[in-house]
Amino acid sequence: MGAAERARDTGEGSPSGLEQVYLVHREALLRFLRARGAGDDAEDLLQEMWIKASAGVSGPIRDPVPYLYRTASNLMLDRRRAGLRQAKRDTEWAGVEPGVERPDDRPNAEQQAVARSELAQAEAVLTGLGERTDAIFRRFRLRGQNQREIAADLGISLSAVEKHLQKAYRALIDYRRRRDAD
């Protein structure tokens, strides 16, 4: 007798009673979770619900359908409580009470003018390094291109791109040190 035949004869490999009920009611449970606010997380929550429901079973369940719905409902309640706790932690961390407007953290006109001036000076530093170094730095740091793409586009080695970037970083660090010293 083969392993598959033994499994069939002993019932191994076939779904348990609770699993059969779960599989029959899976779509309805999914709708239940979505209707209670699970949204796009409904599939993940359904999987978590099944893990919890099946792990808690030590014997036959008299009413498996209500058991599964109660497990799903408890999971949504746990999720809601966790969200409230997180919101409370975030509120405490930020030091702002719910319903109270946060102070405006945007820079004032003077701070904006200083920032524009510093940006112009940093751009001048980059421009002073030469067109190629400036272009490589901007493509890498501002546009997010990777170094291999830049090297291929410019027809230079990856090592050359790295050297141009090091040159730009050193120049900006020197500029920042000079600015902070003033």
N, C-alpha and C. Protein backbone atom coordinates (compact mmCIF):
# COMPACT_ATOMS: atom_id res chain seq x y z
N MET A 1 0.86 -1.18 0.00
CA MET A 1 0.00 0.00 0.00
C MET A 1 0.90 1.23 0.00
N GLY A 2 0.64 2.18 -0.91
CA GLY A 2 1.43 3.39 -1.02
C GLY A 2 1.05 4.42 0.04
N ALA A 3 1.87 5.49 0.15
CA ALA A 3 1.63 6.55 1.15
C ALA A 3 0.31 7.26 0.89
N ALA A 4 -0.03 7.49 -0.37
CA ALA A 4 -1.28 8.18 -0.69
C ALA A 4 -2.48 7.34 -0.29
N GLU A 5 -2.38 6.02 -0.52
CA GLU A 5 -3.49 5.14 -0.15
C GLU A 5 -3.66 5.08 1.36
N ARG A 6 -2.51 5.01 2.10
CA ARG A 6 -2.58 5.00 3.57
C ARG A 6 -3.20 6.29 4.09
N ALA A 7 -2.81 7.44 3.49
CA ALA A 7 -3.35 8.73 3.93
C ALA A 7 -4.85 8.78 3.68
N ARG A 8 -5.29 8.25 2.53
CA ARG A 8 -6.71 8.26 2.23
C ARG A 8 -7.47 7.35 3.20
N ASP A 9 -6.92 6.18 3.48
CA ASP A 9 -7.59 5.23 4.37
C ASP A 9 -7.62 5.71 5.81
N THR A 10 -6.58 6.43 6.25
CA THR A 10 -6.53 6.90 7.63
C THR A 10 -7.12 8.29 7.80
N GLY A 11 -7.43 8.95 6.68
CA GLY A 11 -7.98 10.31 6.77
C GLY A 11 -6.91 11.37 6.80
N GLU A 12 -5.62 10.97 6.76
CA GLU A 12 -4.55 11.96 6.76
C GLU A 12 -4.57 12.72 5.44
N GLY A 13 -4.27 13.98 5.48
CA GLY A 13 -4.21 14.79 4.28
C GLY A 13 -5.56 15.36 3.89
N SER A 14 -6.62 14.86 4.46
CA SER A 14 -7.93 15.44 4.15
C SER A 14 -8.23 16.52 5.18
N PRO A 15 -9.01 17.53 4.79
CA PRO A 15 -9.29 18.62 5.72
C PRO A 15 -10.09 18.15 6.93
N SER A 16 -9.82 18.75 8.07
CA SER A 16 -10.57 18.45 9.28
C SER A 16 -11.97 19.03 9.13
N GLY A 17 -12.84 18.71 10.09
CA GLY A 17 -14.20 19.23 10.06
C GLY A 17 -14.23 20.74 10.08
N LEU A 18 -13.44 21.36 10.97
CA LEU A 18 -13.40 22.81 11.05
C LEU A 18 -12.84 23.40 9.76
N GLU A 19 -11.83 22.77 9.20
CA GLU A 19 -11.25 23.28 7.96
C GLU A 19 -12.24 23.19 6.82
N GLN A 20 -13.03 22.13 6.76
CA GLN A 20 -14.05 22.01 5.73
C GLN A 20 -15.07 23.14 5.85
N VAL A 21 -15.50 23.42 7.09
CA VAL A 21 -16.46 24.51 7.32
C VAL A 21 -15.83 25.83 6.90
N TYR A 22 -14.56 26.03 7.27
CA TYR A 22 -13.85 27.25 6.90
C TYR A 22 -13.81 27.41 5.38
N LEU A 23 -13.45 26.35 4.68
CA LEU A 23 -13.35 26.42 3.22
C LEU A 23 -14.70 26.72 2.58
N VAL A 24 -15.77 26.16 3.11
CA VAL A 24 -17.11 26.41 2.57
C VAL A 24 -17.52 27.86 2.81
N HIS A 25 -17.17 28.42 3.97
CA HIS A 25 -17.60 29.76 4.35
C HIS A 25 -16.53 30.83 4.14
N ARG A 26 -15.45 30.48 3.47
CA ARG A 26 -14.32 31.40 3.31
C ARG A 26 -14.73 32.73 2.68
N GLU A 27 -15.45 32.70 1.59
CA GLU A 27 -15.86 33.93 0.90
C GLU A 27 -16.78 34.78 1.77
N ALA A 28 -17.68 34.12 2.48
CA ALA A 28 -18.59 34.87 3.37
C ALA A 28 -17.80 35.50 4.52
N LEU A 29 -16.82 34.78 5.04
CA LEU A 29 -15.97 35.34 6.10
C LEU A 29 -15.17 36.53 5.57
N LEU A 30 -14.71 36.43 4.36
CA LEU A 30 -13.97 37.52 3.73
C LEU A 30 -14.87 38.76 3.60
N ARG A 31 -16.10 38.57 3.15
CA ARG A 31 -17.04 39.69 3.06
C ARG A 31 -17.32 40.27 4.45
N PHE A 32 -17.43 39.40 5.44
CA PHE A 32 -17.67 39.81 6.82
C PHE A 32 -16.55 40.74 7.30
N LEU A 33 -15.31 40.34 7.06
CA LEU A 33 -14.17 41.16 7.47
C LEU A 33 -14.14 42.49 6.72
N ARG A 34 -14.41 42.44 5.43
CA ARG A 34 -14.41 43.69 4.64
C ARG A 34 -15.50 44.63 5.12
N ALA A 35 -16.66 44.09 5.44
CA ALA A 35 -17.78 44.91 5.90
C ALA A 35 -17.48 45.56 7.25
N ARG A 36 -16.56 44.99 7.99
CA ARG A 36 -16.21 45.54 9.30
C ARG A 36 -14.96 46.40 9.25
N GLY A 37 -14.54 46.77 8.03
CA GLY A 37 -13.46 47.74 7.90
C GLY A 37 -12.10 47.18 7.60
N ALA A 38 -11.99 45.90 7.26
CA ALA A 38 -10.67 45.33 6.99
C ALA A 38 -10.11 45.83 5.66
N GLY A 39 -10.97 46.16 4.72
CA GLY A 39 -10.52 46.69 3.44
C GLY A 39 -9.56 45.77 2.73
N ASP A 40 -8.44 46.33 2.27
CA ASP A 40 -7.45 45.55 1.53
C ASP A 40 -6.73 44.52 2.40
N ASP A 41 -6.83 44.65 3.71
CA ASP A 41 -6.18 43.71 4.62
C ASP A 41 -7.04 42.48 4.90
N ALA A 42 -8.21 42.39 4.28
CA ALA A 42 -9.14 41.30 4.59
C ALA A 42 -8.53 39.93 4.37
N GLU A 43 -7.81 39.73 3.27
CA GLU A 43 -7.19 38.43 3.00
C GLU A 43 -6.18 38.07 4.09
N ASP A 44 -5.34 39.03 4.46
CA ASP A 44 -4.35 38.78 5.51
C ASP A 44 -5.03 38.48 6.84
N LEU A 45 -6.07 39.23 7.14
CA LEU A 45 -6.79 39.00 8.39
C LEU A 45 -7.50 37.65 8.39
N LEU A 46 -8.02 37.25 7.23
CA LEU A 46 -8.66 35.94 7.14
C LEU A 46 -7.65 34.83 7.39
N GLN A 47 -6.46 34.98 6.85
CA GLN A 47 -5.41 34.00 7.09
C GLN A 47 -5.04 33.97 8.57
N GLU A 48 -4.88 35.14 9.17
CA GLU A 48 -4.57 35.22 10.60
C GLU A 48 -5.71 34.61 11.43
N MET A 49 -6.94 34.87 11.01
CA MET A 49 -8.09 34.31 11.72
C MET A 49 -8.07 32.80 11.67
N TRP A 50 -7.77 32.23 10.51
CA TRP A 50 -7.73 30.78 10.38
C TRP A 50 -6.63 30.18 11.26
N ILE A 51 -5.49 30.82 11.30
CA ILE A 51 -4.39 30.33 12.13
C ILE A 51 -4.81 30.31 13.59
N LYS A 52 -5.42 31.41 14.05
CA LYS A 52 -5.87 31.48 15.44
C LYS A 52 -6.99 30.48 15.72
N ALA A 53 -7.94 30.39 14.80
CA ALA A 53 -9.09 29.50 15.01
C ALA A 53 -8.64 28.04 15.03
N SER A 54 -7.78 27.66 14.12
CA SER A 54 -7.36 26.26 14.05
C SER A 54 -6.38 25.90 15.16
N ALA A 55 -5.62 26.86 15.63
CA ALA A 55 -4.67 26.59 16.72
C ALA A 55 -5.39 26.41 18.05
N GLY A 56 -6.52 27.05 18.21
CA GLY A 56 -7.24 26.99 19.47
C GLY A 56 -8.13 25.77 19.61
N VAL A 57 -8.20 24.93 18.59
CA VAL A 57 -9.09 23.78 18.60
C VAL A 57 -8.39 22.57 19.20
N SER A 58 -9.00 22.00 20.25
CA SER A 58 -8.44 20.79 20.84
C SER A 58 -9.39 19.61 20.67
N GLY A 59 -10.57 19.87 20.20
CA GLY A 59 -11.56 18.82 19.98
C GLY A 59 -12.64 19.31 19.07
N PRO A 60 -13.70 18.56 18.93
CA PRO A 60 -14.79 18.99 18.05
C PRO A 60 -15.47 20.24 18.58
N ILE A 61 -15.94 21.06 17.64
CA ILE A 61 -16.63 22.31 17.99
C ILE A 61 -18.10 22.09 17.63
N ARG A 62 -18.97 22.40 18.58
CA ARG A 62 -20.40 22.14 18.39
C ARG A 62 -20.95 22.98 17.24
N ASP A 63 -20.67 24.29 17.23
CA ASP A 63 -21.16 25.19 16.19
C ASP A 63 -19.97 25.86 15.51
N PRO A 64 -19.40 25.21 14.50
CA PRO A 64 -18.17 25.75 13.89
C PRO A 64 -18.35 27.08 13.16
N VAL A 65 -19.51 27.30 12.53
CA VAL A 65 -19.70 28.54 11.76
C VAL A 65 -19.69 29.74 12.71
N PRO A 66 -20.50 29.74 13.79
CA PRO A 66 -20.42 30.87 14.72
C PRO A 66 -19.04 31.01 15.36
N TYR A 67 -18.37 29.89 15.58
CA TYR A 67 -17.01 29.93 16.13
C TYR A 67 -16.08 30.72 15.22
N LEU A 68 -16.15 30.44 13.90
CA LEU A 68 -15.29 31.15 12.95
C LEU A 68 -15.65 32.64 12.88
N TYR A 69 -16.94 32.95 12.86
CA TYR A 69 -17.35 34.36 12.84
C TYR A 69 -16.95 35.08 14.12
N ARG A 70 -17.07 34.41 15.26
CA ARG A 70 -16.66 35.03 16.52
C ARG A 70 -15.15 35.28 16.53
N THR A 71 -14.38 34.32 15.99
CA THR A 71 -12.92 34.50 15.90
C THR A 71 -12.59 35.69 15.00
N ALA A 72 -13.29 35.81 13.87
CA ALA A 72 -13.07 36.94 12.96
C ALA A 72 -13.45 38.25 13.63
N SER A 73 -14.56 38.26 14.34
CA SER A 73 -15.00 39.47 15.03
C SER A 73 -14.00 39.87 16.11
N ASN A 74 -13.50 38.90 16.87
CA ASN A 74 -12.51 39.18 17.91
C ASN A 74 -11.22 39.73 17.29
N LEU A 75 -10.85 39.19 16.14
CA LEU A 75 -9.65 39.68 15.46
C LEU A 75 -9.82 41.14 15.05
N MET A 76 -10.99 41.50 14.53
CA MET A 76 -11.25 42.89 14.15
C MET A 76 -11.25 43.79 15.39
N LEU A 77 -11.80 43.30 16.49
CA LEU A 77 -11.79 44.06 17.74
C LEU A 77 -10.36 44.27 18.23
N ASP A 78 -9.56 43.22 18.17
CA ASP A 78 -8.14 43.35 18.56
C ASP A 78 -7.43 44.37 17.68
N ARG A 79 -7.75 44.32 16.39
CA ARG A 79 -7.12 45.26 15.44
C ARG A 79 -7.52 46.70 15.76
N ARG A 80 -8.79 46.89 16.06
CA ARG A 80 -9.27 48.24 16.40
C ARG A 80 -8.60 48.75 17.67
N ARG A 81 -8.51 47.89 18.68
CA ARG A 81 -7.86 48.27 19.94
C ARG A 81 -6.39 48.61 19.71
N ALA A 82 -5.72 47.82 18.90
CA ALA A 82 -4.31 48.09 18.61
C ALA A 82 -4.16 49.43 17.90
N GLY A 83 -5.08 49.75 16.99
CA GLY A 83 -5.05 51.03 16.31
C GLY A 83 -5.25 52.19 17.26
N LEU A 84 -6.18 52.03 18.21
CA LEU A 84 -6.42 53.08 19.21
C LEU A 84 -5.19 53.26 20.11
N ARG A 85 -4.57 52.14 20.49
CA ARG A 85 -3.36 52.24 21.32
C ARG A 85 -2.24 52.95 20.56
N GLN A 86 -2.11 52.61 19.28
CA GLN A 86 -1.06 53.25 18.48
C GLN A 86 -1.34 54.74 18.33
N ALA A 87 -2.59 55.10 18.09
CA ALA A 87 -2.95 56.52 17.96
C ALA A 87 -2.65 57.26 19.26
N LYS A 88 -2.95 56.61 20.38
CA LYS A 88 -2.67 57.24 21.68
C LYS A 88 -1.16 57.43 21.87
N ARG A 89 -0.38 56.39 21.52
CA ARG A 89 1.08 56.51 21.63
C ARG A 89 1.60 57.62 20.75
N ASP A 90 1.09 57.67 19.51
CA ASP A 90 1.54 58.71 18.58
C ASP A 90 1.19 60.10 19.10
N THR A 91 0.00 60.22 19.67
CA THR A 91 -0.43 61.51 20.22
C THR A 91 0.45 61.91 21.38
N GLU A 92 0.73 60.95 22.26
CA GLU A 92 1.59 61.25 23.42
C GLU A 92 2.99 61.60 22.97
N TRP A 93 3.49 60.89 21.96
CA TRP A 93 4.84 61.15 21.48
C TRP A 93 4.92 62.54 20.86
N ALA A 94 3.90 62.91 20.09
CA ALA A 94 3.91 64.21 19.43
C ALA A 94 3.60 65.35 20.40
N GLY A 95 3.00 65.01 21.54
CA GLY A 95 2.68 66.03 22.53
C GLY A 95 1.50 66.90 22.15
N VAL A 96 0.63 66.38 21.30
CA VAL A 96 -0.53 67.14 20.85
C VAL A 96 -1.78 66.34 21.18
N GLU A 97 -2.74 67.00 21.77
CA GLU A 97 -4.00 66.36 22.10
C GLU A 97 -4.87 66.23 20.86
N PRO A 98 -5.69 65.16 20.78
CA PRO A 98 -6.60 65.03 19.64
C PRO A 98 -7.55 66.22 19.58
N GLY A 99 -7.79 66.71 18.40
CA GLY A 99 -8.70 67.84 18.20
C GLY A 99 -8.02 69.19 18.36
N VAL A 100 -6.77 69.19 18.82
CA VAL A 100 -6.04 70.44 19.00
C VAL A 100 -5.09 70.57 17.82
N GLU A 101 -5.10 71.73 17.19
CA GLU A 101 -4.23 71.93 16.04
C GLU A 101 -2.78 72.00 16.47
N ARG A 102 -1.95 71.39 15.65
CA ARG A 102 -0.51 71.45 15.90
C ARG A 102 0.00 72.82 15.51
N PRO A 103 1.05 73.26 16.15
CA PRO A 103 1.63 74.54 15.74
C PRO A 103 2.19 74.42 14.32
N ASP A 104 2.20 75.53 13.63
CA ASP A 104 2.70 75.56 12.26
C ASP A 104 4.21 75.41 12.27
N ASP A 105 4.70 74.29 11.72
CA ASP A 105 6.13 74.02 11.70
C ASP A 105 6.80 74.51 10.42
N ARG A 106 6.02 75.13 9.54
CA ARG A 106 6.60 75.61 8.29
C ARG A 106 7.56 76.76 8.58
N PRO A 107 8.63 76.83 7.80
CA PRO A 107 9.58 77.92 8.01
C PRO A 107 8.96 79.28 7.69
N ASN A 108 9.38 80.28 8.45
CA ASN A 108 8.89 81.63 8.19
C ASN A 108 9.65 82.22 6.99
N ALA A 109 9.31 83.43 6.62
CA ALA A 109 9.90 84.05 5.43
C ALA A 109 11.42 84.18 5.55
N GLU A 110 11.91 84.54 6.73
CA GLU A 110 13.36 84.69 6.92
C GLU A 110 14.06 83.34 6.76
N GLN A 111 13.49 82.30 7.36
CA GLN A 111 14.09 80.97 7.24
C GLN A 111 14.08 80.49 5.79
N GLN A 112 13.02 80.81 5.07
CA GLN A 112 12.95 80.43 3.66
C GLN A 112 14.02 81.15 2.85
N ALA A 113 14.23 82.42 3.14
CA ALA A 113 15.25 83.20 2.42
C ALA A 113 16.64 82.64 2.69
N VAL A 114 16.92 82.30 3.96
CA VAL A 114 18.22 81.71 4.31
C VAL A 114 18.40 80.38 3.60
N ALA A 115 17.36 79.56 3.58
CA ALA A 115 17.44 78.25 2.93
C ALA A 115 17.69 78.40 1.43
N ARG A 116 17.01 79.36 0.80
CA ARG A 116 17.22 79.60 -0.64
C ARG A 116 18.67 80.04 -0.90
N SER A 117 19.18 80.90 -0.04
CA SER A 117 20.55 81.39 -0.19
C SER A 117 21.54 80.22 -0.05
N GLU A 118 21.34 79.37 0.96
CA GLU A 118 22.24 78.23 1.15
C GLU A 118 22.15 77.25 -0.01
N LEU A 119 20.95 77.05 -0.54
CA LEU A 119 20.79 76.18 -1.70
C LEU A 119 21.54 76.74 -2.90
N ALA A 120 21.41 78.04 -3.12
CA ALA A 120 22.11 78.67 -4.24
C ALA A 120 23.62 78.52 -4.09
N GLN A 121 24.12 78.67 -2.86
CA GLN A 121 25.56 78.51 -2.62
C GLN A 121 26.00 77.07 -2.85
N ALA A 122 25.19 76.10 -2.41
CA ALA A 122 25.52 74.68 -2.63
C ALA A 122 25.51 74.36 -4.12
N GLU A 123 24.54 74.92 -4.85
CA GLU A 123 24.51 74.72 -6.30
C GLU A 123 25.72 75.33 -6.97
N ALA A 124 26.16 76.48 -6.47
CA ALA A 124 27.36 77.11 -7.03
C ALA A 124 28.59 76.24 -6.79
N VAL A 125 28.65 75.62 -5.62
CA VAL A 125 29.77 74.71 -5.32
C VAL A 125 29.77 73.56 -6.32
N LEU A 126 28.59 72.97 -6.56
CA LEU A 126 28.51 71.86 -7.52
C LEU A 126 28.84 72.31 -8.93
N THR A 127 28.36 73.45 -9.33
CA THR A 127 28.65 73.98 -10.67
C THR A 127 30.14 74.21 -10.83
N GLY A 128 30.79 74.66 -9.77
CA GLY A 128 32.23 74.92 -9.81
C GLY A 128 33.07 73.67 -9.96
N LEU A 129 32.49 72.51 -9.75
CA LEU A 129 33.24 71.26 -9.88
C LEU A 129 33.34 70.78 -11.33
N GLY A 130 32.62 71.41 -12.19
CA GLY A 130 32.63 71.00 -13.59
C GLY A 130 31.29 70.39 -13.98
N GLU A 131 31.01 70.46 -15.26
CA GLU A 131 29.72 70.03 -15.77
C GLU A 131 29.46 68.55 -15.52
N ARG A 132 30.46 67.71 -15.74
CA ARG A 132 30.27 66.27 -15.61
C ARG A 132 30.02 65.88 -14.15
N THR A 133 30.81 66.39 -13.23
CA THR A 133 30.62 66.06 -11.80
C THR A 133 29.26 66.55 -11.33
N ASP A 134 28.90 67.76 -11.72
CA ASP A 134 27.60 68.32 -11.35
C ASP A 134 26.47 67.44 -11.88
N ALA A 135 26.55 67.05 -13.15
CA ALA A 135 25.49 66.25 -13.77
C ALA A 135 25.39 64.87 -13.10
N ILE A 136 26.52 64.25 -12.83
CA ILE A 136 26.51 62.92 -12.19
C ILE A 136 25.90 63.01 -10.80
N PHE A 137 26.29 64.02 -10.04
CA PHE A 137 25.75 64.17 -8.69
C PHE A 137 24.24 64.37 -8.74
N ARG A 138 23.77 65.25 -9.61
CA ARG A 138 22.33 65.53 -9.70
C ARG A 138 21.55 64.30 -10.15
N ARG A 139 22.09 63.57 -11.12
CA ARG A 139 21.39 62.37 -11.59
C ARG A 139 21.31 61.32 -10.49
N PHE A 140 22.38 61.18 -9.73
CA PHE A 140 22.40 60.16 -8.68
C PHE A 140 21.58 60.57 -7.47
N ARG A 141 21.82 61.75 -6.94
CA ARG A 141 21.18 62.17 -5.69
C ARG A 141 19.79 62.75 -5.87
N LEU A 142 19.55 63.47 -6.95
CA LEU A 142 18.26 64.13 -7.11
C LEU A 142 17.28 63.33 -7.96
N ARG A 143 17.78 62.67 -8.99
CA ARG A 143 16.88 61.90 -9.86
C ARG A 143 16.79 60.43 -9.45
N GLY A 144 17.71 59.98 -8.61
CA GLY A 144 17.66 58.61 -8.12
C GLY A 144 18.16 57.56 -9.09
N GLN A 145 18.91 57.96 -10.10
CA GLN A 145 19.45 56.98 -11.04
C GLN A 145 20.58 56.21 -10.35
N ASN A 146 20.74 54.95 -10.73
CA ASN A 146 21.83 54.21 -10.11
C ASN A 146 23.13 54.48 -10.87
N GLN A 147 24.22 54.18 -10.22
CA GLN A 147 25.54 54.53 -10.76
C GLN A 147 25.84 53.79 -12.06
N ARG A 148 25.38 52.54 -12.17
CA ARG A 148 25.63 51.78 -13.40
C ARG A 148 24.93 52.44 -14.61
N GLU A 149 23.70 52.90 -14.41
CA GLU A 149 22.98 53.58 -15.51
C GLU A 149 23.72 54.83 -15.94
N ILE A 150 24.17 55.60 -14.97
CA ILE A 150 24.88 56.85 -15.27
C ILE A 150 26.15 56.54 -16.04
N ALA A 151 26.90 55.54 -15.59
CA ALA A 151 28.15 55.17 -16.26
C ALA A 151 27.87 54.75 -17.70
N ALA A 152 26.84 53.93 -17.89
CA ALA A 152 26.51 53.47 -19.25
C ALA A 152 26.07 54.63 -20.13
N ASP A 153 25.24 55.52 -19.60
CA ASP A 153 24.76 56.66 -20.38
C ASP A 153 25.90 57.60 -20.79
N LEU A 154 26.86 57.80 -19.90
CA LEU A 154 27.96 58.72 -20.19
C LEU A 154 29.15 58.05 -20.86
N GLY A 155 29.11 56.72 -20.92
CA GLY A 155 30.21 55.99 -21.55
C GLY A 155 31.49 56.02 -20.73
N ILE A 156 31.33 56.00 -19.41
CA ILE A 156 32.49 55.99 -18.52
C ILE A 156 32.37 54.79 -17.59
N SER A 157 33.43 54.51 -16.86
CA SER A 157 33.43 53.36 -15.96
C SER A 157 32.66 53.68 -14.67
N LEU A 158 32.24 52.63 -14.01
CA LEU A 158 31.57 52.77 -12.72
C LEU A 158 32.50 53.46 -11.72
N SER A 159 33.76 53.13 -11.78
CA SER A 159 34.75 53.74 -10.90
C SER A 159 34.83 55.26 -11.12
N ALA A 160 34.73 55.68 -12.37
CA ALA A 160 34.78 57.12 -12.67
C ALA A 160 33.56 57.82 -12.08
N VAL A 161 32.41 57.19 -12.18
CA VAL A 161 31.19 57.76 -11.58
C VAL A 161 31.39 57.91 -10.08
N GLU A 162 31.91 56.87 -9.44
CA GLU A 162 32.15 56.92 -7.99
C GLU A 162 33.12 58.04 -7.63
N LYS A 163 34.14 58.25 -8.42
CA LYS A 163 35.12 59.31 -8.14
C LYS A 163 34.48 60.69 -8.28
N HIS A 164 33.63 60.87 -9.28
CA HIS A 164 32.93 62.15 -9.44
C HIS A 164 32.02 62.40 -8.23
N LEU A 165 31.33 61.35 -7.78
CA LEU A 165 30.45 61.50 -6.61
C LEU A 165 31.26 61.83 -5.35
N GLN A 166 32.40 61.18 -5.18
CA GLN A 166 33.26 61.48 -4.02
C GLN A 166 33.73 62.93 -4.07
N LYS A 167 34.08 63.40 -5.24
CA LYS A 167 34.52 64.79 -5.41
C LYS A 167 33.39 65.75 -5.00
N ALA A 168 32.17 65.45 -5.44
CA ALA A 168 31.03 66.31 -5.11
C ALA A 168 30.74 66.26 -3.61
N TYR A 169 30.78 65.08 -3.01
CA TYR A 169 30.53 64.96 -1.57
C TYR A 169 31.57 65.74 -0.76
N ARG A 170 32.84 65.59 -1.14
CA ARG A 170 33.90 66.32 -0.41
C ARG A 170 33.69 67.82 -0.51
N ALA A 171 33.34 68.29 -1.70
CA ALA A 171 33.14 69.73 -1.89
C ALA A 171 31.95 70.23 -1.06
N LEU A 172 30.88 69.47 -1.00
CA LEU A 172 29.71 69.88 -0.21
C LEU A 172 30.00 69.82 1.28
N ILE A 173 30.78 68.84 1.70
CA ILE A 173 31.16 68.76 3.13
C ILE A 173 32.04 69.95 3.50
N ASP A 174 32.98 70.29 2.64
CA ASP A 174 33.83 71.46 2.89
C ASP A 174 32.99 72.73 2.95
N TYR A 175 32.04 72.87 2.02
CA TYR A 175 31.16 74.04 2.03
C TYR A 175 30.38 74.10 3.34
N ARG A 176 29.86 72.98 3.76
CA ARG A 176 29.07 72.96 5.01
C ARG A 176 29.93 73.32 6.22
N ARG A 177 31.16 72.82 6.27
CA ARG A 177 32.05 73.17 7.37
C ARG A 177 32.33 74.67 7.40
N ARG A 178 32.59 75.24 6.23
CA ARG A 178 32.84 76.68 6.16
C ARG A 178 31.61 77.47 6.59
N ARG A 179 30.45 77.04 6.13
CA ARG A 179 29.19 77.72 6.49
C ARG A 179 28.93 77.62 7.99
N ASP A 180 29.14 76.46 8.57
CA ASP A 180 28.90 76.28 10.01
C ASP A 180 29.92 77.03 10.86
N ALA A 181 31.11 77.23 10.32
CA ALA A 181 32.15 77.96 11.07
C ALA A 181 31.82 79.45 11.15
N ASP A 182 31.10 79.95 10.17
CA ASP A 182 30.76 81.39 10.15
C ASP A 182 29.72 81.75 11.16
